[in-house]
Amino acid sequence: QVQLVESGGGSVEAGGSLTLSCVASGGIRGINSMIWYRQIPGKQREWIGAISREGDARYDDSVKGRFTISRENAKNTVYLQMSNLKHEDTAVYYCSAYMRTTTNFNLDQYWGQGTQVTVSA
């Protein structure tokens, strides 16, 4: 019922830019933090960064200065703007959010399905 859907993935050359979007929909009572992760096949999921409900963002050192997270609360949407992409940024990117729903008053973490980003060297 409640879901997160990422979009905007694709293939880019090293040094290029790409922006991902993630939209939450369904019976949402409220969204707290929204988070971006990525995962390379065979490796552990990696935290990229997060943004608070108020719009304060934090980033992992590996992407700091290159990636920007923003959100539009009225649209239940979080963005990941990526620039100066490197080959090692190639991964499946996932968005996540801590939400309360119309049927679940607990603040639980929800996940999107992921979108592939491929950066050619």
Protein backbone atom coordinates (compact mmCIF):
# COMPACT_ATOMS: atom_id res chain seq x y z
CA GLN A 1 0.00 0.00 0.00
CA VAL A 2 2.74 2.43 1.00
CA GLN A 3 5.63 2.37 -1.41
CA LEU A 4 8.79 4.17 -2.47
CA VAL A 5 9.69 4.25 -6.15
CA GLU A 6 13.08 5.37 -7.47
CA SER A 7 13.61 6.66 -10.99
CA GLY A 8 16.28 8.36 -13.06
CA GLY A 9 18.94 5.67 -13.24
CA GLY A 10 20.92 4.96 -16.37
CA SER A 11 24.35 4.92 -17.95
CA VAL A 12 26.69 7.90 -17.98
CA GLU A 13 30.32 8.61 -18.74
CA ALA A 14 32.79 9.25 -15.96
CA GLY A 15 32.65 12.89 -14.99
CA GLY A 16 29.00 13.16 -15.94
CA SER A 17 25.93 13.94 -13.88
CA LEU A 18 22.69 12.20 -13.05
CA THR A 19 19.75 12.94 -10.77
CA LEU A 20 17.65 10.27 -9.11
CA SER A 21 14.17 10.76 -7.70
CA CYS A 22 12.22 8.79 -5.15
CA VAL A 23 8.50 9.27 -4.56
CA ALA A 24 6.60 7.93 -1.58
CA SER A 25 2.93 7.16 -2.07
CA GLY A 26 0.03 5.44 -0.36
CA GLY A 27 -1.53 5.91 3.03
CA ILE A 28 1.22 8.05 4.52
CA ARG A 29 0.69 9.78 7.81
CA GLY A 30 4.13 11.34 7.94
CA ILE A 31 7.67 11.00 6.64
CA ASN A 32 10.69 11.63 8.81
CA SER A 33 14.21 11.06 7.49
CA MET A 34 14.74 10.03 3.88
CA ILE A 35 17.90 8.12 3.04
CA TRP A 36 19.89 7.00 0.02
CA TYR A 37 21.86 3.75 -0.16
CA ARG A 38 23.70 1.92 -2.91
CA GLN A 39 24.81 -1.65 -3.41
CA ILE A 40 27.38 -3.24 -5.68
CA PRO A 41 26.64 -6.90 -6.48
CA GLY A 42 28.38 -9.15 -3.98
CA LYS A 43 29.04 -6.33 -1.56
CA GLN A 44 27.28 -4.92 1.47
CA ARG A 45 24.75 -2.15 1.05
CA GLU A 46 26.40 1.23 1.58
CA TRP A 47 24.90 4.31 3.20
CA ILE A 48 25.24 7.36 0.96
CA GLY A 49 23.49 10.07 2.89
CA ALA A 50 20.28 11.19 4.49
CA ILE A 51 18.10 14.24 4.84
CA SER A 52 15.96 15.25 7.77
CA ARG A 53 12.36 16.35 7.56
CA GLU A 54 13.62 19.92 7.95
CA GLY A 55 15.98 19.55 4.99
CA ASP A 56 19.35 19.09 6.71
CA ALA A 57 21.49 16.63 4.79
CA ARG A 58 24.49 14.48 5.72
CA TYR A 59 26.76 12.51 3.41
CA ASP A 60 29.28 9.75 3.43
CA ASP A 61 32.82 10.94 2.74
CA SER A 62 32.93 8.97 -0.50
CA VAL A 63 30.32 11.24 -2.09
CA LYS A 64 30.66 14.46 -0.11
CA GLY A 65 31.08 17.41 -2.43
CA ARG A 66 29.79 15.47 -5.43
CA PHE A 67 26.29 14.37 -4.38
CA THR A 68 23.44 16.53 -3.10
CA ILE A 69 20.29 15.28 -1.39
CA SER A 70 17.18 17.42 -1.36
CA ARG A 71 13.49 16.88 -0.73
CA GLU A 72 10.09 18.35 -1.44
CA ASN A 73 7.83 17.45 1.45
CA ALA A 74 4.65 18.52 -0.34
CA LYS A 75 5.43 15.96 -3.05
CA ASN A 76 6.73 13.24 -0.72
CA THR A 77 9.84 13.20 -2.88
CA VAL A 78 13.57 12.98 -2.23
CA TYR A 79 16.26 13.62 -4.84
CA LEU A 80 19.85 12.55 -5.24
CA GLN A 81 21.81 14.85 -7.53
CA MET A 82 25.09 13.26 -8.58
CA SER A 83 27.93 15.04 -10.33
CA ASN A 84 31.51 14.21 -11.28
CA LEU A 85 30.52 10.57 -11.34
CA LYS A 86 33.22 7.93 -11.07
CA HIS A 87 33.32 4.34 -12.22
CA GLU A 88 33.22 3.22 -8.59
CA ASP A 89 29.83 4.93 -8.22
CA THR A 90 28.32 2.15 -10.34
CA ALA A 91 25.69 0.41 -8.21
CA VAL A 92 22.01 -0.11 -7.61
CA TYR A 93 20.74 2.92 -5.76
CA TYR A 94 17.98 2.60 -3.19
CA CYS A 95 15.95 5.18 -1.37
CA SER A 96 14.52 4.62 2.06
CA ALA A 97 12.32 6.52 4.46
CA TYR A 98 11.15 6.38 8.02
CA MET A 99 7.40 6.75 7.84
CA ARG A 100 4.20 6.45 9.78
CA THR A 101 1.24 5.20 7.79
CA THR A 102 -2.51 5.45 8.24
CA THR A 103 -2.53 1.92 9.65
CA ASN A 104 0.87 1.81 11.37
CA PHE A 105 1.63 4.50 13.92
CA ASN A 106 5.12 3.15 14.55
CA LEU A 107 7.96 4.94 12.79
CA ASP A 108 9.19 2.15 10.52
CA GLN A 109 11.75 2.10 7.74
CA TYR A 110 10.52 1.48 4.20
CA TRP A 111 12.51 0.72 1.06
CA GLY A 112 12.28 1.36 -2.65
CA GLN A 113 13.00 -1.22 -5.33
CA GLY A 114 16.25 0.34 -6.52
CA THR A 115 17.48 1.85 -9.77
CA GLN A 116 20.68 0.99 -11.64
CA VAL A 117 23.38 3.59 -12.18
CA THR A 118 26.27 2.62 -14.44
CA VAL A 119 29.28 4.88 -14.92
CA SER A 120 31.61 3.95 -17.73
CA ALA A 121 35.32 4.52 -17.35
